Amino acid sequence: MLHDVGVATMVIANPTHFAVALKYSRDEDAAPIVVAKGQELLALKIREQAQERQIPVVEQPELARGLYRSVELGQVIPPEFYRAVAEIVNFLAASSSRHAAPNGARQGQGSGP
């Protein structure tokens, strides 16, 4: 399961007790899919793998616990988690686009006439 962390787009964690790795692509997936999850030592290993691969780790303790208890590996997240996970997806996308644009410039805006 730890090798599947490499395909994750984010990890939602309770600092040290739970970690759930999700894969989500707007173009490919109807909803985020759980690719790895763990508790205690396994949660720490998932976080380590994510950090080594530069996969964002978001600390949301209640969400991490809820996902861990509600979803099995390979399953999409249940609808009751859509909103919370969508907020994280949107936050990460916004953060990514800000970091990708040099000198604070917005993506998609040229410097031409």
Protein backbone atom coordinates (compact mmCIF):
# COMPACT_ATOMS: atom_id res chain seq x y z
CA MET A 1 0.00 0.00 0.00
CA LEU A 2 2.84 2.45 0.70
CA HIS A 3 3.98 2.37 -2.92
CA ASP A 4 0.51 3.66 -3.88
CA VAL A 5 1.19 6.89 -2.01
CA GLY A 6 3.22 7.89 -5.06
CA VAL A 7 0.06 8.26 -7.17
CA ALA A 8 -1.69 10.38 -4.55
CA THR A 9 -2.42 14.04 -5.13
CA MET A 10 -2.80 14.81 -1.42
CA VAL A 11 -2.64 13.27 2.04
CA ILE A 12 -5.13 14.28 4.69
CA ALA A 13 -3.78 13.69 8.16
CA ASN A 14 -4.42 13.90 11.85
CA PRO A 15 -0.91 14.98 12.83
CA THR A 16 0.34 11.55 13.89
CA HIS A 17 -2.58 9.18 14.33
CA PHE A 18 -4.28 8.90 10.92
CA ALA A 19 -3.33 9.55 7.30
CA VAL A 20 -5.41 9.05 4.17
CA ALA A 21 -3.83 9.45 0.73
CA LEU A 22 -6.23 10.52 -2.01
CA LYS A 23 -5.83 10.54 -5.78
CA TYR A 24 -7.91 13.00 -7.73
CA SER A 25 -7.82 14.39 -11.24
CA ARG A 26 -10.73 16.54 -12.39
CA ASP A 27 -10.35 15.10 -15.90
CA GLU A 28 -10.17 11.43 -14.88
CA ASP A 29 -11.97 10.85 -11.59
CA ALA A 30 -15.61 11.39 -10.60
CA ALA A 31 -14.48 11.85 -6.99
CA PRO A 32 -11.26 11.43 -5.01
CA ILE A 33 -10.13 7.83 -4.52
CA VAL A 34 -8.41 6.46 -1.40
CA VAL A 35 -5.08 4.97 -2.48
CA ALA A 36 -3.55 4.47 0.98
CA LYS A 37 -4.60 4.87 4.58
CA GLY A 38 -3.07 4.10 7.91
CA GLN A 39 -3.10 4.57 11.62
CA GLU A 40 -0.21 5.33 14.01
CA LEU A 41 3.10 4.01 12.52
CA LEU A 42 1.57 3.39 9.10
CA ALA A 43 0.17 6.94 9.12
CA LEU A 44 3.65 8.30 9.79
CA LYS A 45 5.08 6.23 6.94
CA ILE A 46 2.40 7.53 4.57
CA ARG A 47 3.31 11.09 5.56
CA GLU A 48 7.02 10.37 5.04
CA GLN A 49 6.35 8.91 1.58
CA ALA A 50 4.24 11.93 0.67
CA GLN A 51 6.89 14.39 1.83
CA GLU A 52 9.62 12.54 -0.09
CA ARG A 53 7.48 12.76 -3.25
CA GLN A 54 6.43 16.37 -2.59
CA ILE A 55 2.77 15.40 -2.24
CA PRO A 56 0.91 17.94 -0.10
CA VAL A 57 0.00 16.83 3.41
CA VAL A 58 -2.97 18.71 4.83
CA GLU A 59 -3.69 18.44 8.54
CA GLN A 60 -7.43 18.14 9.05
CA PRO A 61 -7.82 15.81 12.07
CA GLU A 62 -11.60 15.29 11.96
CA LEU A 63 -11.63 14.77 8.20
CA ALA A 64 -8.70 12.35 8.39
CA ARG A 65 -10.43 10.29 11.08
CA GLY A 66 -13.74 10.31 9.22
CA LEU A 67 -12.19 9.22 5.92
CA TYR A 68 -10.10 6.54 7.63
CA ARG A 69 -13.17 5.01 9.26
CA SER A 70 -15.55 5.37 6.30
CA VAL A 71 -13.64 4.46 3.16
CA GLU A 72 -11.75 1.36 2.07
CA LEU A 73 -8.74 1.31 -0.24
CA GLY A 74 -9.64 1.85 -3.88
CA GLN A 75 -13.03 3.38 -3.08
CA VAL A 76 -14.17 6.89 -3.90
CA ILE A 77 -14.92 9.08 -0.94
CA PRO A 78 -18.57 9.18 0.17
CA PRO A 79 -20.66 12.25 -0.76
CA GLU A 80 -20.66 13.53 2.82
CA PHE A 81 -16.93 14.30 2.42
CA TYR A 82 -17.15 16.00 -1.00
CA ARG A 83 -17.37 19.56 0.27
CA ALA A 84 -14.50 19.31 2.75
CA VAL A 85 -12.22 17.57 0.24
CA ALA A 86 -13.24 19.98 -2.55
CA GLU A 87 -12.14 22.89 -0.39
CA ILE A 88 -8.73 21.26 0.04
CA VAL A 89 -8.48 20.50 -3.70
CA ASN A 90 -9.31 24.12 -4.53
CA PHE A 91 -6.86 25.44 -1.94
CA LEU A 92 -4.06 23.23 -3.29
CA ALA A 93 -4.83 24.23 -6.88
CA ALA A 94 -4.75 27.92 -5.96
CA SER A 95 -1.50 27.48 -4.02
CA SER A 96 0.04 25.59 -6.91
CA SER A 97 -0.87 28.25 -9.47
CA ARG A 98 0.53 31.02 -7.24
CA HIS A 99 3.84 29.18 -6.88
CA ALA A 100 4.06 28.37 -10.59
CA ALA A 101 3.76 32.00 -11.71
CA PRO A 102 7.10 33.86 -11.51
CA ASN A 103 7.38 37.13 -9.58
CA GLY A 104 3.78 37.02 -8.40
CA ALA A 105 2.39 37.20 -11.94
CA ARG A 106 -0.87 35.42 -12.56
CA GLN A 107 -0.92 32.47 -14.89
CA GLY A 108 -2.61 32.99 -18.21
CA GLN A 109 -1.76 36.68 -18.45
CA GLY A 110 0.85 37.54 -21.00
CA SER A 111 3.12 40.56 -20.94
CA GLY A 112 2.51 41.40 -24.60
CA PRO A 113 0.69 44.44 -26.00
